[in-house]
Every structure is written in structure tokens, then in C-alpha cells.
C-alpha atoms as a PDB file:
ATOM      1  CA  MET A   1     166.012 151.943 183.781  1.00  0.00           C
ATOM      2  CA  ILE A   2     167.626 149.792 186.495  1.00  0.00           C
ATOM      3  CA  ARG A   3     170.008 151.674 188.796  1.00  0.00           C
ATOM      4  CA  LYS A   4     172.721 150.152 190.886  1.00  0.00           C
ATOM      5  CA  HIS A   5     172.472 150.940 194.586  1.00  0.00           C
ATOM      6  CA  ARG A   6     175.767 152.802 194.475  1.00  0.00           C
ATOM      7  CA  ASP A   7     174.559 155.015 191.660  1.00  0.00           C
ATOM      8  CA  LEU A   8     171.351 155.797 193.489  1.00  0.00           C
ATOM      9  CA  THR A   9     173.319 156.607 196.630  1.00  0.00           C
ATOM     10  CA  ILE A  10     175.552 158.961 194.705  1.00  0.00           C
ATOM     11  CA  GLU A  11     172.550 160.708 193.111  1.00  0.00           C
ATOM     12  CA  ILE A  12     170.884 161.163 196.485  1.00  0.00           C
ATOM     13  CA  ILE A  13     173.984 162.570 198.107  1.00  0.00           C
ATOM     14  CA  LYS A  14     174.513 164.992 195.177  1.00  0.00           C
ATOM     15  CA  LEU A  15     170.933 166.181 195.287  1.00  0.00           C
ATOM     16  CA  LEU A  16     171.151 166.776 199.035  1.00  0.00           C
ATOM     17  CA  GLY A  17     174.458 168.520 198.618  1.00  0.00           C
ATOM     18  CA  ASN A  18     173.025 170.917 196.013  1.00  0.00           C
ATOM     19  CA  ASP A  19     169.689 171.467 197.774  1.00  0.00           C
ATOM     20  CA  PRO A  20     169.558 170.475 201.483  1.00  0.00           C
ATOM     21  CA  ARG A  21     166.386 169.940 203.434  1.00  0.00           C
ATOM     22  CA  GLN A  22     164.502 167.879 200.861  1.00  0.00           C
ATOM     23  CA  ALA A  23     161.445 165.919 201.698  1.00  0.00           C
ATOM     24  CA  VAL A  24     161.173 162.215 200.673  1.00  0.00           C
ATOM     25  CA  LYS A  25     158.362 163.061 198.263  1.00  0.00           C
ATOM     26  CA  ASP A  26     160.438 165.713 196.480  1.00  0.00           C
ATOM     27  CA  LEU A  27     163.477 163.459 196.251  1.00  0.00           C
ATOM     28  CA  ALA A  28     161.404 160.571 194.958  1.00  0.00           C
ATOM     29  CA  ASN A  29     159.967 162.841 192.209  1.00  0.00           C
ATOM     30  CA  LYS A  30     163.437 164.069 191.177  1.00  0.00           C
ATOM     31  CA  LEU A  31     164.906 160.540 191.180  1.00  0.00           C
ATOM     32  CA  ARG A  32     161.786 158.993 189.621  1.00  0.00           C
ATOM     33  CA  VAL A  33     161.468 156.286 192.177  1.00  0.00           C
ATOM     34  CA  ASN A  34     158.636 155.038 194.356  1.00  0.00           C
ATOM     35  CA  ARG A  35     158.303 157.235 197.519  1.00  0.00           C
ATOM     36  CA  ALA A  36     157.880 154.261 199.881  1.00  0.00           C
ATOM     37  CA  PHE A  37     161.002 152.542 198.386  1.00  0.00           C
ATOM     38  CA  LEU A  38     162.998 155.731 198.751  1.00  0.00           C
ATOM     39  CA  ALA A  39     161.873 156.250 202.372  1.00  0.00           C
ATOM     40  CA  GLY A  40     163.286 152.835 203.239  1.00  0.00           C
ATOM     41  CA  TYR A  41     166.472 153.484 201.193  1.00  0.00           C
ATOM     42  CA  LEU A  42     167.025 156.788 202.965  1.00  0.00           C
ATOM     43  CA  LYS A  43     166.506 155.200 206.356  1.00  0.00           C
ATOM     44  CA  ALA A  44     169.232 152.670 205.533  1.00  0.00           C
ATOM     45  CA  LEU A  45     171.509 155.452 204.320  1.00  0.00           C
ATOM     46  CA  LYS A  46     170.844 157.256 207.617  1.00  0.00           C
ATOM     47  CA  ASN A  47     171.694 154.179 209.649  1.00  0.00           C
ATOM     48  CA  GLN A  48     175.003 153.916 207.664  1.00  0.00           C
ATOM     49  CA  GLY A  49     175.810 157.586 208.365  1.00  0.00           C
ATOM     50  CA  TYR A  50     175.484 158.868 204.755  1.00  0.00           C
ATOM     51  CA  VAL A  51     172.566 161.275 205.473  1.00  0.00           C
ATOM     52  CA  LYS A  52     170.758 162.852 208.348  1.00  0.00           C
ATOM     53  CA  SER A  53     167.015 163.496 208.836  1.00  0.00           C
ATOM     54  CA  LYS A  54     164.738 165.738 210.788  1.00  0.00           C
ATOM     55  CA  LYS A  55     160.958 165.746 211.162  1.00  0.00           C
ATOM     56  CA  ILE A  56     159.525 169.121 210.079  1.00  0.00           C
ATOM     57  CA  GLU A  57     155.787 169.312 210.432  1.00  0.00           C
ATOM     58  CA  SER A  58     154.411 166.239 208.644  1.00  0.00           C
ATOM     59  CA  ALA A  59     157.443 165.593 206.469  1.00  0.00           C
ATOM     60  CA  LYS A  60     160.681 163.856 207.202  1.00  0.00           C
ATOM     61  CA  VAL A  61     163.393 165.993 205.622  1.00  0.00           C
ATOM     62  CA  TYR A  62     166.844 164.690 204.654  1.00  0.00           C
ATOM     63  CA  PHE A  63     170.226 166.406 204.679  1.00  0.00           C
ATOM     64  CA  GLY A  64     173.665 165.446 203.499  1.00  0.00           C
ATOM     65  CA  ARG A  65     176.040 164.232 206.157  1.00  0.00           C
ATOM     66  CA  THR A  66     177.441 167.714 206.669  1.00  0.00           C
ATOM     67  CA  GLY A  67     174.119 169.535 206.524  1.00  0.00           C
ATOM     68  CA  GLU A  68     171.872 170.574 209.317  1.00  0.00           C
ATOM     69  CA  GLY A  69     169.795 167.894 211.081  1.00  0.00           C
END
């Protein structure tokens, strides 16, 4: 299934809103996308101000815009 970027962004924001502090690996599994692709996508969303991130141990964890970070 091909997703539009807007749809993927909405899904990510919804997942982070429902369950903050999610690692890239966990988000990738839930969204059924490649982890490396999602890491780059999340970095772009962070640069645009849609999400925040924080390094916790060996994982980069993402939050919604209003979450901790």
C-alpha cells in the first residue's frame, strides 16, 4: 500500500499523541514501514516542528509537539 506523506504524518502524530515516548523501531513496526526510512522521515518532521525527540540510552525516542522532549 502506498501512503501519501500527509497521511503518514497524520498517523505518526496520532500514534505519538496516544502513546508518547516511542522509539523509531516501535513506530516503524506499528506503521509497517522501514526503520531507516522512518528515522529520516521523523528527522524531517522534527526539523519542521511537528515532533520532538530525545536520546534515551541507545534509542532515539519521539514525542508529539506538546509532549516531553
